[in-house]
Each structure stands twice: as C-alpha cells, then as structure tokens.
Amino acid sequence: MGHVQVEVRLVNPINGAELKTLALVDTGATYTAIPLSVHEKLNLMIVGKKIVETAEGPTELDESFLVIEIKGKRAVTPVLISRDLKDVVVGVLTLEALGLAVDPTTGELKESRILLL
C-alpha cells in the first residue's frame, strides 16, 4: 500500500461550493472518503448508502459525488461520508478516474494510463 499527501480541490457540481485541503492518498482504499465536516461545507447531495469494511469492522456510510482536482486533473468521483475521519482520503477509484497512480519508488503521484479493456 502507498500513502501520499496531496493538495486537492473539492467542488460540489450542483451548487459550485468548493474547498481546497490536504488529502491522504491511500492505495488500500477503494473509495474516496470525506469527513462529515467537508460534506457539510460543500452541502453535498446524499445519493445512497454503502456498507464498507473499516479497521473497526463493517459500517454503513452515506454516498455522494463531487468533482475532485489533483495536480491539475479533474474528475467526477463517488465519495463516502464518514463521521470518524478527520482528513480526506483519496481511494483508487478516484486515482484511476484521474489517470494517476502512486509511484512506489518515489512515493509521489505520477500519470498513469486509463485502461478500457
């Protein structure tokens, strides 16, 4: 697994509310997850719920979507909203949508190919 800190820009595509913050890129996380405080600042629409495995066991989280920008690349991505998180966690679904990957030799984000096979 790789962990990298990056600056992200998060935008609610419906109302235009936005936030810049530091985020942890976690290649062990499937989904991007945001703290409840970020959800409240952006006023995101809840579109469903997902049951996810966490270190404390399974839990049900609200699901939404937003536009994320990292290193000048933008994508719409699903996000899960957690009361337990303090920081934004960027998961692999978002990385793949952005065409980014963690370079294990440098610990930095690098461009990657988007596959459609």
PDB file of N, CA and C in Angstrom:
ATOM      1  N   MET A   1       0.837  -1.192   0.000  1.00  0.00           N
ATOM      2  CA  MET A   1       0.000   0.000   0.000  1.00  0.00           C
ATOM      3  C   MET A   1       0.872   1.242   0.000  1.00  0.00           C
ATOM      4  N   GLY A   2       0.383   2.312  -0.633  1.00  0.00           N
ATOM      5  CA  GLY A   2       1.109   3.561  -0.629  1.00  0.00           C
ATOM      6  C   GLY A   2       0.280   4.671  -0.025  1.00  0.00           C
ATOM      7  N   HIS A   3       0.947   5.543   0.708  1.00  0.00           N
ATOM      8  CA  HIS A   3       0.288   6.707   1.291  1.00  0.00           C
ATOM      9  C   HIS A   3       1.047   7.955   0.871  1.00  0.00           C
ATOM     10  N   VAL A   4       0.327   8.909   0.310  1.00  0.00           N
ATOM     11  CA  VAL A   4       0.916  10.153  -0.170  1.00  0.00           C
ATOM     12  C   VAL A   4      -0.018  11.284   0.227  1.00  0.00           C
ATOM     13  N   GLN A   5       0.536  12.422   0.676  1.00  0.00           N
ATOM     14  CA  GLN A   5      -0.299  13.588   0.947  1.00  0.00           C
ATOM     15  C   GLN A   5      -0.263  14.518  -0.253  1.00  0.00           C
ATOM     16  N   VAL A   6      -1.440  15.001  -0.660  1.00  0.00           N
ATOM     17  CA  VAL A   6      -1.541  15.910  -1.801  1.00  0.00           C
ATOM     18  C   VAL A   6      -2.570  16.993  -1.507  1.00  0.00           C
ATOM     19  N   GLU A   7      -2.433  18.114  -2.219  1.00  0.00           N
ATOM     20  CA  GLU A   7      -3.458  19.146  -2.142  1.00  0.00           C
ATOM     21  C   GLU A   7      -4.570  18.783  -3.118  1.00  0.00           C
ATOM     22  N   VAL A   8      -5.809  18.889  -2.659  1.00  0.00           N
ATOM     23  CA  VAL A   8      -6.960  18.591  -3.512  1.00  0.00           C
ATOM     24  C   VAL A   8      -7.918  19.776  -3.507  1.00  0.00           C
ATOM     25  N   ARG A   9      -8.646  19.890  -4.593  1.00  0.00           N
ATOM     26  CA  ARG A   9      -9.743  20.853  -4.685  1.00  0.00           C
ATOM     27  C   ARG A   9     -11.004  20.032  -4.852  1.00  0.00           C
ATOM     28  N   LEU A  10     -11.971  20.245  -3.971  1.00  0.00           N
ATOM     29  CA  LEU A  10     -13.238  19.516  -3.992  1.00  0.00           C
ATOM     30  C   LEU A  10     -14.346  20.494  -4.345  1.00  0.00           C
ATOM     31  N   VAL A  11     -15.202  20.111  -5.289  1.00  0.00           N
ATOM     32  CA  VAL A  11     -16.261  21.004  -5.762  1.00  0.00           C
ATOM     33  C   VAL A  11     -17.585  20.254  -5.801  1.00  0.00           C
ATOM     34  N   ASN A  12     -18.626  20.881  -5.253  1.00  0.00           N
ATOM     35  CA  ASN A  12     -19.982  20.362  -5.399  1.00  0.00           C
ATOM     36  C   ASN A  12     -20.436  20.741  -6.809  1.00  0.00           C
ATOM     37  N   PRO A  13     -20.688  19.757  -7.694  1.00  0.00           N
ATOM     38  CA  PRO A  13     -21.041  20.092  -9.076  1.00  0.00           C
ATOM     39  C   PRO A  13     -22.431  20.702  -9.222  1.00  0.00           C
ATOM     40  N   ILE A  14     -23.232  20.657  -8.169  1.00  0.00           N
ATOM     41  CA  ILE A  14     -24.588  21.195  -8.245  1.00  0.00           C
ATOM     42  C   ILE A  14     -24.630  22.667  -7.854  1.00  0.00           C
ATOM     43  N   ASN A  15     -23.979  23.024  -6.721  1.00  0.00           N
ATOM     44  CA  ASN A  15     -24.069  24.406  -6.248  1.00  0.00           C
ATOM     45  C   ASN A  15     -22.767  25.195  -6.392  1.00  0.00           C
ATOM     46  N   GLY A  16     -21.683  24.545  -6.831  1.00  0.00           N
ATOM     47  CA  GLY A  16     -20.415  25.232  -7.050  1.00  0.00           C
ATOM     48  C   GLY A  16     -19.574  25.467  -5.806  1.00  0.00           C
ATOM     49  N   ALA A  17     -20.068  25.072  -4.629  1.00  0.00           N
ATOM     50  CA  ALA A  17     -19.275  25.238  -3.402  1.00  0.00           C
ATOM     51  C   ALA A  17     -17.974  24.465  -3.553  1.00  0.00           C
ATOM     52  N   GLU A  18     -16.870  25.051  -3.072  1.00  0.00           N
ATOM     53  CA  GLU A  18     -15.591  24.367  -3.218  1.00  0.00           C
ATOM     54  C   GLU A  18     -14.732  24.536  -1.981  1.00  0.00           C
ATOM     55  N   LEU A  19     -13.739  23.646  -1.885  1.00  0.00           N
ATOM     56  CA  LEU A  19     -12.842  23.611  -0.735  1.00  0.00           C
ATOM     57  C   LEU A  19     -11.496  23.078  -1.194  1.00  0.00           C
ATOM     58  N   LYS A  20     -10.414  23.747  -0.787  1.00  0.00           N
ATOM     59  CA  LYS A  20      -9.065  23.222  -1.009  1.00  0.00           C
ATOM     60  C   LYS A  20      -8.553  22.709   0.324  1.00  0.00           C
ATOM     61  N   THR A  21      -7.940  21.529   0.303  1.00  0.00           N
ATOM     62  CA  THR A  21      -7.441  20.921   1.530  1.00  0.00           C
ATOM     63  C   THR A  21      -6.355  19.909   1.198  1.00  0.00           C
ATOM     64  N   LEU A  22      -5.644  19.463   2.214  1.00  0.00           N
ATOM     65  CA  LEU A  22      -4.711  18.359   2.045  1.00  0.00           C
ATOM     66  C   LEU A  22      -5.477  17.056   2.183  1.00  0.00           C
ATOM     67  N   ALA A  23      -5.067  16.057   1.437  1.00  0.00           N
ATOM     68  CA  ALA A  23      -5.715  14.747   1.490  1.00  0.00           C
ATOM     69  C   ALA A  23      -4.647  13.666   1.524  1.00  0.00           C
ATOM     70  N   LEU A  24      -5.023  12.542   2.070  1.00  0.00           N
ATOM     71  CA  LEU A  24      -4.155  11.371   2.089  1.00  0.00           C
ATOM     72  C   LEU A  24      -4.569  10.457   0.949  1.00  0.00           C
ATOM     73  N   VAL A  25      -3.652  10.149   0.059  1.00  0.00           N
ATOM     74  CA  VAL A  25      -3.909   9.167  -0.997  1.00  0.00           C
ATOM     75  C   VAL A  25      -3.581   7.805  -0.409  1.00  0.00           C
ATOM     76  N   ASP A  26      -4.563   6.903  -0.414  1.00  0.00           N
ATOM     77  CA  ASP A  26      -4.398   5.579   0.196  1.00  0.00           C
ATOM     78  C   ASP A  26      -4.741   4.516  -0.841  1.00  0.00           C
ATOM     79  N   THR A  27      -3.724   3.830  -1.359  1.00  0.00           N
ATOM     80  CA  THR A  27      -3.963   2.817  -2.388  1.00  0.00           C
ATOM     81  C   THR A  27      -4.622   1.567  -1.824  1.00  0.00           C
ATOM     82  N   GLY A  28      -4.808   1.504  -0.526  1.00  0.00           N
ATOM     83  CA  GLY A  28      -5.550   0.403   0.083  1.00  0.00           C
ATOM     84  C   GLY A  28      -7.032   0.703   0.208  1.00  0.00           C
ATOM     85  N   ALA A  29      -7.432   1.938  -0.113  1.00  0.00           N
ATOM     86  CA  ALA A  29      -8.839   2.344  -0.036  1.00  0.00           C
ATOM     87  C   ALA A  29      -9.451   2.306  -1.431  1.00  0.00           C
ATOM     88  N   THR A  30     -10.600   1.685  -1.562  1.00  0.00           N
ATOM     89  CA  THR A  30     -11.286   1.642  -2.852  1.00  0.00           C
ATOM     90  C   THR A  30     -11.918   2.994  -3.166  1.00  0.00           C
ATOM     91  N   TYR A  31     -12.739   3.503  -2.248  1.00  0.00           N
ATOM     92  CA  TYR A  31     -13.468   4.756  -2.437  1.00  0.00           C
ATOM     93  C   TYR A  31     -12.723   5.930  -1.820  1.00  0.00           C
ATOM     94  N   THR A  32     -13.012   7.115  -2.313  1.00  0.00           N
ATOM     95  CA  THR A  32     -12.597   8.341  -1.641  1.00  0.00           C
ATOM     96  C   THR A  32     -13.594   8.594  -0.522  1.00  0.00           C
ATOM     97  N   ALA A  33     -13.074   8.991   0.633  1.00  0.00           N
ATOM     98  CA  ALA A  33     -13.923   9.253   1.795  1.00  0.00           C
ATOM     99  C   ALA A  33     -13.622  10.645   2.329  1.00  0.00           C
ATOM    100  N   ILE A  34     -14.678  11.313   2.784  1.00  0.00           N
ATOM    101  CA  ILE A  34     -14.524  12.662   3.321  1.00  0.00           C
ATOM    102  C   ILE A  34     -15.124  12.726   4.715  1.00  0.00           C
ATOM    103  N   PRO A  35     -14.581  13.619   5.556  1.00  0.00           N
ATOM    104  CA  PRO A  35     -15.184  13.815   6.867  1.00  0.00           C
ATOM    105  C   PRO A  35     -16.558  14.471   6.740  1.00  0.00           C
ATOM    106  N   LEU A  36     -17.385  14.279   7.742  1.00  0.00           N
ATOM    107  CA  LEU A  36     -18.709  14.899   7.779  1.00  0.00           C
ATOM    108  C   LEU A  36     -18.597  16.418   7.630  1.00  0.00           C
ATOM    109  N   SER A  37     -17.566  17.026   8.214  1.00  0.00           N
ATOM    110  CA  SER A  37     -17.398  18.486   8.144  1.00  0.00           C
ATOM    111  C   SER A  37     -17.232  18.969   6.696  1.00  0.00           C
ATOM    112  N   VAL A  38     -16.556  18.196   5.861  1.00  0.00           N
ATOM    113  CA  VAL A  38     -16.391  18.561   4.446  1.00  0.00           C
ATOM    114  C   VAL A  38     -17.732  18.448   3.728  1.00  0.00           C
ATOM    115  N   HIS A  39     -18.468  17.384   4.014  1.00  0.00           N
ATOM    116  CA  HIS A  39     -19.814  17.221   3.444  1.00  0.00           C
ATOM    117  C   HIS A  39     -20.682  18.432   3.786  1.00  0.00           C
ATOM    118  N   GLU A  40     -20.626  18.860   5.042  1.00  0.00           N
ATOM    119  CA  GLU A  40     -21.450  19.991   5.479  1.00  0.00           C
ATOM    120  C   GLU A  40     -21.021  21.292   4.807  1.00  0.00           C
ATOM    121  N   LYS A  41     -19.706  21.515   4.637  1.00  0.00           N
ATOM    122  CA  LYS A  41     -19.227  22.739   3.980  1.00  0.00           C
ATOM    123  C   LYS A  41     -19.646  22.791   2.517  1.00  0.00           C
ATOM    124  N   LEU A  42     -19.626  21.648   1.847  1.00  0.00           N
ATOM    125  CA  LEU A  42     -19.963  21.606   0.421  1.00  0.00           C
ATOM    126  C   LEU A  42     -21.451  21.390   0.168  1.00  0.00           C
ATOM    127  N   ASN A  43     -22.189  20.981   1.205  1.00  0.00           N
ATOM    128  CA  ASN A  43     -23.630  20.717   1.084  1.00  0.00           C
ATOM    129  C   ASN A  43     -23.912  19.716  -0.039  1.00  0.00           C
ATOM    130  N   LEU A  44     -23.228  18.573   0.036  1.00  0.00           N
ATOM    131  CA  LEU A  44     -23.367  17.538  -0.990  1.00  0.00           C
ATOM    132  C   LEU A  44     -24.694  16.802  -0.866  1.00  0.00           C
ATOM    133  N   MET A  45     -25.220  16.344  -1.994  1.00  0.00           N
ATOM    134  CA  MET A  45     -26.451  15.568  -2.024  1.00  0.00           C
ATOM    135  C   MET A  45     -26.129  14.100  -1.722  1.00  0.00           C
ATOM    136  N   ILE A  46     -26.869  13.508  -0.802  1.00  0.00           N
ATOM    137  CA  ILE A  46     -26.721  12.082  -0.498  1.00  0.00           C
ATOM    138  C   ILE A  46     -27.479  11.302  -1.571  1.00  0.00           C
ATOM    139  N   VAL A  47     -26.791  10.331  -2.202  1.00  0.00           N
ATOM    140  CA  VAL A  47     -27.425   9.563  -3.273  1.00  0.00           C
ATOM    141  C   VAL A  47     -27.627   8.095  -2.912  1.00  0.00           C
ATOM    142  N   GLY A  48     -27.111   7.687  -1.764  1.00  0.00           N
ATOM    143  CA  GLY A  48     -27.265   6.292  -1.358  1.00  0.00           C
ATOM    144  C   GLY A  48     -26.426   5.983  -0.144  1.00  0.00           C
ATOM    145  N   LYS A  49     -26.303   4.703   0.139  1.00  0.00           N
ATOM    146  CA  LYS A  49     -25.508   4.218   1.266  1.00  0.00           C
ATOM    147  C   LYS A  49     -24.669   3.043   0.787  1.00  0.00           C
ATOM    148  N   LYS A  50     -23.498   2.879   1.388  1.00  0.00           N
ATOM    149  CA  LYS A  50     -22.620   1.740   1.100  1.00  0.00           C
ATOM    150  C   LYS A  50     -22.191   1.125   2.421  1.00  0.00           C
ATOM    151  N   ILE A  51     -22.163  -0.206   2.459  1.00  0.00           N
ATOM    152  CA  ILE A  51     -21.572  -0.901   3.598  1.00  0.00           C
ATOM    153  C   ILE A  51     -20.120  -1.159   3.239  1.00  0.00           C
ATOM    154  N   VAL A  52     -19.212  -0.691   4.102  1.00  0.00           N
ATOM    155  CA  VAL A  52     -17.779  -0.803   3.834  1.00  0.00           C
ATOM    156  C   VAL A  52     -17.079  -1.477   5.004  1.00  0.00           C
ATOM    157  N   GLU A  53     -15.945  -2.082   4.703  1.00  0.00           N
ATOM    158  CA  GLU A  53     -15.091  -2.692   5.726  1.00  0.00           C
ATOM    159  C   GLU A  53     -14.116  -1.631   6.211  1.00  0.00           C
ATOM    160  N   THR A  54     -14.052  -1.420   7.517  1.00  0.00           N
ATOM    161  CA  THR A  54     -13.079  -0.497   8.100  1.00  0.00           C
ATOM    162  C   THR A  54     -12.225  -1.268   9.100  1.00  0.00           C
ATOM    163  N   ALA A  55     -11.236  -0.600   9.666  1.00  0.00           N
ATOM    164  CA  ALA A  55     -10.386  -1.242  10.674  1.00  0.00           C
ATOM    165  C   ALA A  55     -11.205  -1.689  11.881  1.00  0.00           C
ATOM    166  N   GLU A  56     -12.318  -1.014  12.134  1.00  0.00           N
ATOM    167  CA  GLU A  56     -13.190  -1.362  13.261  1.00  0.00           C
ATOM    168  C   GLU A  56     -14.293  -2.344  12.874  1.00  0.00           C
ATOM    169  N   GLY A  57     -14.315  -2.778  11.618  1.00  0.00           N
ATOM    170  CA  GLY A  57     -15.347  -3.701  11.149  1.00  0.00           C
ATOM    171  C   GLY A  57     -16.271  -3.024  10.157  1.00  0.00           C
ATOM    172  N   PRO A  58     -17.330  -3.738   9.721  1.00  0.00           N
ATOM    173  CA  PRO A  58     -18.237  -3.171   8.721  1.00  0.00           C
ATOM    174  C   PRO A  58     -19.026  -1.983   9.276  1.00  0.00           C
ATOM    175  N   THR A  59     -19.257  -1.006   8.411  1.00  0.00           N
ATOM    176  CA  THR A  59     -20.068   0.148   8.781  1.00  0.00           C
ATOM    177  C   THR A  59     -20.793   0.660   7.539  1.00  0.00           C
ATOM    178  N   GLU A  60     -21.914   1.322   7.740  1.00  0.00           N
ATOM    179  CA  GLU A  60     -22.688   1.883   6.634  1.00  0.00           C
ATOM    180  C   GLU A  60     -22.427   3.386   6.551  1.00  0.00           C
ATOM    181  N   LEU A  61     -22.047   3.851   5.367  1.00  0.00           N
ATOM    182  CA  LEU A  61     -21.746   5.264   5.155  1.00  0.00           C
ATOM    183  C   LEU A  61     -22.636   5.834   4.060  1.00  0.00           C
ATOM    184  N   ASP A  62     -22.961   7.122   4.195  1.00  0.00           N
ATOM    185  CA  ASP A  62     -23.683   7.819   3.138  1.00  0.00           C
ATOM    186  C   ASP A  62     -22.763   7.989   1.935  1.00  0.00           C
ATOM    187  N   GLU A  63     -23.368   7.959   0.737  1.00  0.00           N
ATOM    188  CA  GLU A  63     -22.612   8.126  -0.504  1.00  0.00           C
ATOM    189  C   GLU A  63     -23.072   9.388  -1.222  1.00  0.00           C
ATOM    190  N   SER A  64     -22.115  10.102  -1.796  1.00  0.00           N
ATOM    191  CA  SER A  64     -22.401  11.282  -2.592  1.00  0.00           C
ATOM    192  C   SER A  64     -21.433  11.298  -3.777  1.00  0.00           C
ATOM    193  N   PHE A  65     -21.299  12.435  -4.422  1.00  0.00           N
ATOM    194  CA  PHE A  65     -20.355  12.589  -5.525  1.00  0.00           C
ATOM    195  C   PHE A  65     -19.891  14.036  -5.550  1.00  0.00           C
ATOM    196  N   LEU A  66     -18.707  14.246  -6.097  1.00  0.00           N
ATOM    197  CA  LEU A  66     -18.174  15.597  -6.241  1.00  0.00           C
ATOM    198  C   LEU A  66     -17.144  15.618  -7.358  1.00  0.00           C
ATOM    199  N   VAL A  67     -16.712  16.809  -7.705  1.00  0.00           N
ATOM    200  CA  VAL A  67     -15.606  16.970  -8.644  1.00  0.00           C
ATOM    201  C   VAL A  67     -14.348  17.112  -7.804  1.00  0.00           C
ATOM    202  N   ILE A  68     -13.328  16.328  -8.130  1.00  0.00           N
ATOM    203  CA  ILE A  68     -12.057  16.417  -7.423  1.00  0.00           C
ATOM    204  C   ILE A  68     -10.981  16.834  -8.410  1.00  0.00           C
ATOM    205  N   GLU A  69     -10.080  17.696  -7.956  1.00  0.00           N
ATOM    206  CA  GLU A  69      -8.946  18.110  -8.779  1.00  0.00           C
ATOM    207  C   GLU A  69      -7.662  17.841  -8.006  1.00  0.00           C
ATOM    208  N   ILE A  70      -6.756  17.110  -8.649  1.00  0.00           N
ATOM    209  CA  ILE A  70      -5.437  16.824  -8.092  1.00  0.00           C
ATOM    210  C   ILE A  70      -4.419  17.034  -9.207  1.00  0.00           C
ATOM    211  N   LYS A  71      -3.409  17.830  -8.937  1.00  0.00           N
ATOM    212  CA  LYS A  71      -2.328  18.070  -9.902  1.00  0.00           C
ATOM    213  C   LYS A  71      -2.862  18.514 -11.267  1.00  0.00           C
ATOM    214  N   GLY A  72      -3.901  19.353 -11.255  1.00  0.00           N
ATOM    215  CA  GLY A  72      -4.445  19.895 -12.494  1.00  0.00           C
ATOM    216  C   GLY A  72      -5.378  18.971 -13.253  1.00  0.00           C
ATOM    217  N   LYS A  73      -5.622  17.778 -12.726  1.00  0.00           N
ATOM    218  CA  LYS A  73      -6.535  16.827 -13.377  1.00  0.00           C
ATOM    219  C   LYS A  73      -7.843  16.801 -12.595  1.00  0.00           C
ATOM    220  N   ARG A  74      -8.981  16.775 -13.321  1.00  0.00           N
ATOM    221  CA  ARG A  74     -10.300  16.788 -12.688  1.00  0.00           C
ATOM    222  C   ARG A  74     -11.125  15.587 -13.104  1.00  0.00           C
ATOM    223  N   ALA A  75     -11.960  15.128 -12.156  1.00  0.00           N
ATOM    224  CA  ALA A  75     -12.896  14.038 -12.449  1.00  0.00           C
ATOM    225  C   ALA A  75     -14.056  14.112 -11.468  1.00  0.00           C
ATOM    226  N   VAL A  76     -15.201  13.629 -11.916  1.00  0.00           N
ATOM    227  CA  VAL A  76     -16.329  13.421 -11.004  1.00  0.00           C
ATOM    228  C   VAL A  76     -16.097  12.073 -10.343  1.00  0.00           C
ATOM    229  N   THR A  77     -16.253  12.021  -9.024  1.00  0.00           N
ATOM    230  CA  THR A  77     -15.974  10.780  -8.309  1.00  0.00           C
ATOM    231  C   THR A  77     -16.994  10.537  -7.209  1.00  0.00           C
ATOM    232  N   PRO A  78     -17.333   9.273  -6.969  1.00  0.00           N
ATOM    233  CA  PRO A  78     -18.175   8.982  -5.807  1.00  0.00           C
ATOM    234  C   PRO A  78     -17.363   9.191  -4.535  1.00  0.00           C
ATOM    235  N   VAL A  79     -18.030   9.625  -3.468  1.00  0.00           N
ATOM    236  CA  VAL A  79     -17.375   9.781  -2.171  1.00  0.00           C
ATOM    237  C   VAL A  79     -18.264   9.210  -1.082  1.00  0.00           C
ATOM    238  N   LEU A  80     -17.624   8.697  -0.046  1.00  0.00           N
ATOM    239  CA  LEU A  80     -18.332   8.223   1.133  1.00  0.00           C
ATOM    240  C   LEU A  80     -18.098   9.224   2.253  1.00  0.00           C
ATOM    241  N   ILE A  81     -19.101   9.417   3.092  1.00  0.00           N
ATOM    242  CA  ILE A  81     -19.055  10.425   4.151  1.00  0.00           C
ATOM    243  C   ILE A  81     -18.928   9.728   5.493  1.00  0.00           C
ATOM    244  N   SER A  82     -17.860  10.082   6.226  1.00  0.00           N
ATOM    245  CA  SER A  82     -17.565   9.408   7.491  1.00  0.00           C
ATOM    246  C   SER A  82     -17.539  10.392   8.653  1.00  0.00           C
ATOM    247  N   ARG A  83     -18.205  10.016   9.735  1.00  0.00           N
ATOM    248  CA  ARG A  83     -18.148  10.808  10.970  1.00  0.00           C
ATOM    249  C   ARG A  83     -16.828  10.593  11.699  1.00  0.00           C
ATOM    250  N   ASP A  84     -16.108   9.522  11.363  1.00  0.00           N
ATOM    251  CA  ASP A  84     -14.879   9.166  12.076  1.00  0.00           C
ATOM    252  C   ASP A  84     -13.617   9.765  11.470  1.00  0.00           C
ATOM    253  N   LEU A  85     -13.675  10.200  10.230  1.00  0.00           N
ATOM    254  CA  LEU A  85     -12.482  10.746   9.569  1.00  0.00           C
ATOM    255  C   LEU A  85     -12.242  12.193   9.968  1.00  0.00           C
ATOM    256  N   LYS A  86     -10.965  12.553  10.022  1.00  0.00           N
ATOM    257  CA  LYS A  86     -10.587  13.950  10.222  1.00  0.00           C
ATOM    258  C   LYS A  86     -10.057  14.558   8.921  1.00  0.00           C
ATOM    259  N   ASP A  87      -9.557  13.709   8.027  1.00  0.00           N
ATOM    260  CA  ASP A  87      -8.964  14.167   6.770  1.00  0.00           C
ATOM    261  C   ASP A  87      -9.606  13.454   5.585  1.00  0.00           C
ATOM    262  N   VAL A  88      -9.508  14.075   4.417  1.00  0.00           N
ATOM    263  CA  VAL A  88      -9.968  13.455   3.175  1.00  0.00           C
ATOM    264  C   VAL A  88      -9.013  12.316   2.824  1.00  0.00           C
ATOM    265  N   VAL A  89      -9.578  11.179   2.409  1.00  0.00           N
ATOM    266  CA  VAL A  89      -8.797  10.023   1.959  1.00  0.00           C
ATOM    267  C   VAL A  89      -9.175   9.758   0.506  1.00  0.00           C
ATOM    268  N   VAL A  90      -8.184   9.792  -0.383  1.00  0.00           N
ATOM    269  CA  VAL A  90      -8.414   9.556  -1.811  1.00  0.00           C
ATOM    270  C   VAL A  90      -8.142   8.087  -2.108  1.00  0.00           C
ATOM    271  N   GLY A  91      -9.151   7.394  -2.638  1.00  0.00           N
ATOM    272  CA  GLY A  91      -9.038   5.974  -2.950  1.00  0.00           C
ATOM    273  C   GLY A  91      -8.699   5.711  -4.409  1.00  0.00           C
ATOM    274  N   VAL A  92      -8.533   4.438  -4.725  1.00  0.00           N
ATOM    275  CA  VAL A  92      -8.059   4.056  -6.060  1.00  0.00           C
ATOM    276  C   VAL A  92      -9.072   4.319  -7.175  1.00  0.00           C
ATOM    277  N   LEU A  93     -10.373   4.271  -6.893  1.00  0.00           N
ATOM    278  CA  LEU A  93     -11.344   4.591  -7.950  1.00  0.00           C
ATOM    279  C   LEU A  93     -11.126   6.011  -8.463  1.00  0.00           C
ATOM    280  N   THR A  94     -10.883   6.927  -7.544  1.00  0.00           N
ATOM    281  CA  THR A  94     -10.637   8.320  -7.923  1.00  0.00           C
ATOM    282  C   THR A  94      -9.309   8.457  -8.650  1.00  0.00           C
ATOM    283  N   LEU A  95      -8.268   7.804  -8.137  1.00  0.00           N
ATOM    284  CA  LEU A  95      -6.963   7.861  -8.807  1.00  0.00           C
ATOM    285  C   LEU A  95      -7.072   7.382 -10.246  1.00  0.00           C
ATOM    286  N   GLU A  96      -7.763   6.268 -10.447  1.00  0.00           N
ATOM    287  CA  GLU A  96      -7.911   5.727 -11.799  1.00  0.00           C
ATOM    288  C   GLU A  96      -8.693   6.677 -12.695  1.00  0.00           C
ATOM    289  N   ALA A  97      -9.742   7.306 -12.159  1.00  0.00           N
ATOM    290  CA  ALA A  97     -10.522   8.256 -12.955  1.00  0.00           C
ATOM    291  C   ALA A  97      -9.682   9.462 -13.363  1.00  0.00           C
ATOM    292  N   LEU A  98      -8.724   9.832 -12.521  1.00  0.00           N
ATOM    293  CA  LEU A  98      -7.848  10.969 -12.810  1.00  0.00           C
ATOM    294  C   LEU A  98      -6.650  10.596 -13.683  1.00  0.00           C
ATOM    295  N   GLY A  99      -6.419   9.297 -13.864  1.00  0.00           N
ATOM    296  CA  GLY A  99      -5.235   8.861 -14.596  1.00  0.00           C
ATOM    297  C   GLY A  99      -3.968   9.078 -13.793  1.00  0.00           C
ATOM    298  N   LEU A 100      -4.055   8.836 -12.482  1.00  0.00           N
ATOM    299  CA  LEU A 100      -2.911   8.992 -11.590  1.00  0.00           C
ATOM    300  C   LEU A 100      -2.656   7.697 -10.835  1.00  0.00           C
ATOM    301  N   ALA A 101      -1.417   7.517 -10.398  1.00  0.00           N
ATOM    302  CA  ALA A 101      -1.037   6.356  -9.587  1.00  0.00           C
ATOM    303  C   ALA A 101       0.097   6.782  -8.663  1.00  0.00           C
ATOM    304  N   VAL A 102       0.276   6.039  -7.574  1.00  0.00           N
ATOM    305  CA  VAL A 102       1.402   6.292  -6.680  1.00  0.00           C
ATOM    306  C   VAL A 102       2.618   5.555  -7.228  1.00  0.00           C
ATOM    307  N   ASP A 103       3.704   6.292  -7.415  1.00  0.00           N
ATOM    308  CA  ASP A 103       4.965   5.689  -7.847  1.00  0.00           C
ATOM    309  C   ASP A 103       5.641   5.107  -6.611  1.00  0.00           C
ATOM    310  N   PRO A 104       5.769   3.773  -6.531  1.00  0.00           N
ATOM    311  CA  PRO A 104       6.328   3.165  -5.321  1.00  0.00           C
ATOM    312  C   PRO A 104       7.804   3.490  -5.096  1.00  0.00           C
ATOM    313  N   THR A 105       8.503   3.910  -6.144  1.00  0.00           N
ATOM    314  CA  THR A 105       9.931   4.215  -5.973  1.00  0.00           C
ATOM    315  C   THR A 105      10.161   5.609  -5.403  1.00  0.00           C
ATOM    316  N   THR A 106       9.227   6.535  -5.669  1.00  0.00           N
ATOM    317  CA  THR A 106       9.394   7.915  -5.192  1.00  0.00           C
ATOM    318  C   THR A 106       8.385   8.306  -4.122  1.00  0.00           C
ATOM    319  N   GLY A 107       7.271   7.552  -4.036  1.00  0.00           N
ATOM    320  CA  GLY A 107       6.215   7.922  -3.101  1.00  0.00           C
ATOM    321  C   GLY A 107       5.409   9.122  -3.565  1.00  0.00           C
ATOM    322  N   GLU A 108       5.533   9.474  -4.835  1.00  0.00           N
ATOM    323  CA  GLU A 108       4.811  10.615  -5.406  1.00  0.00           C
ATOM    324  C   GLU A 108       3.743  10.126  -6.379  1.00  0.00           C
ATOM    325  N   LEU A 109       2.790  11.018  -6.686  1.00  0.00           N
ATOM    326  CA  LEU A 109       1.802  10.689  -7.713  1.00  0.00           C
ATOM    327  C   LEU A 109       2.414  10.881  -9.088  1.00  0.00           C
ATOM    328  N   LYS A 110       2.066   9.980  -9.998  1.00  0.00           N
ATOM    329  CA  LYS A 110       2.531  10.092 -11.384  1.00  0.00           C
ATOM    330  C   LYS A 110       1.350   9.809 -12.303  1.00  0.00           C
ATOM    331  N   GLU A 111       1.473  10.229 -13.556  1.00  0.00           N
ATOM    332  CA  GLU A 111       0.425   9.936 -14.535  1.00  0.00           C
ATOM    333  C   GLU A 111       0.430   8.451 -14.848  1.00  0.00           C
ATOM    334  N   SER A 112      -0.767   7.918 -15.069  1.00  0.00           N
ATOM    335  CA  SER A 112      -0.888   6.512 -15.456  1.00  0.00           C
ATOM    336  C   SER A 112      -1.888   6.410 -16.595  1.00  0.00           C
ATOM    337  N   ARG A 113      -1.858   5.304 -17.285  1.00  0.00           N
ATOM    338  CA  ARG A 113      -2.776   5.093 -18.400  1.00  0.00           C
ATOM    339  C   ARG A 113      -4.137   4.679 -17.864  1.00  0.00           C
ATOM    340  N   ILE A 114      -5.168   5.200 -18.493  1.00  0.00           N
ATOM    341  CA  ILE A 114      -6.533   4.798 -18.169  1.00  0.00           C
ATOM    342  C   ILE A 114      -6.884   3.657 -19.107  1.00  0.00           C
ATOM    343  N   LEU A 115      -7.219   2.520 -18.531  1.00  0.00           N
ATOM    344  CA  LEU A 115      -7.485   1.319 -19.328  1.00  0.00           C
ATOM    345  C   LEU A 115      -8.973   1.151 -19.590  1.00  0.00           C
ATOM    346  N   LEU A 116      -9.302   0.767 -20.794  1.00  0.00           N
ATOM    347  CA  LEU A 116     -10.662   0.423 -21.176  1.00  0.00           C
ATOM    348  C   LEU A 116     -10.561  -0.864 -21.979  1.00  0.00           C
ATOM    349  N   LEU A 117     -10.498  -1.971 -21.272  1.00  0.00           N
ATOM    350  CA  LEU A 117     -10.288  -3.270 -21.923  1.00  0.00           C
ATOM    351  C   LEU A 117     -11.504  -4.151 -21.778  1.00  0.00           C
TER     352      LEU A 117
END
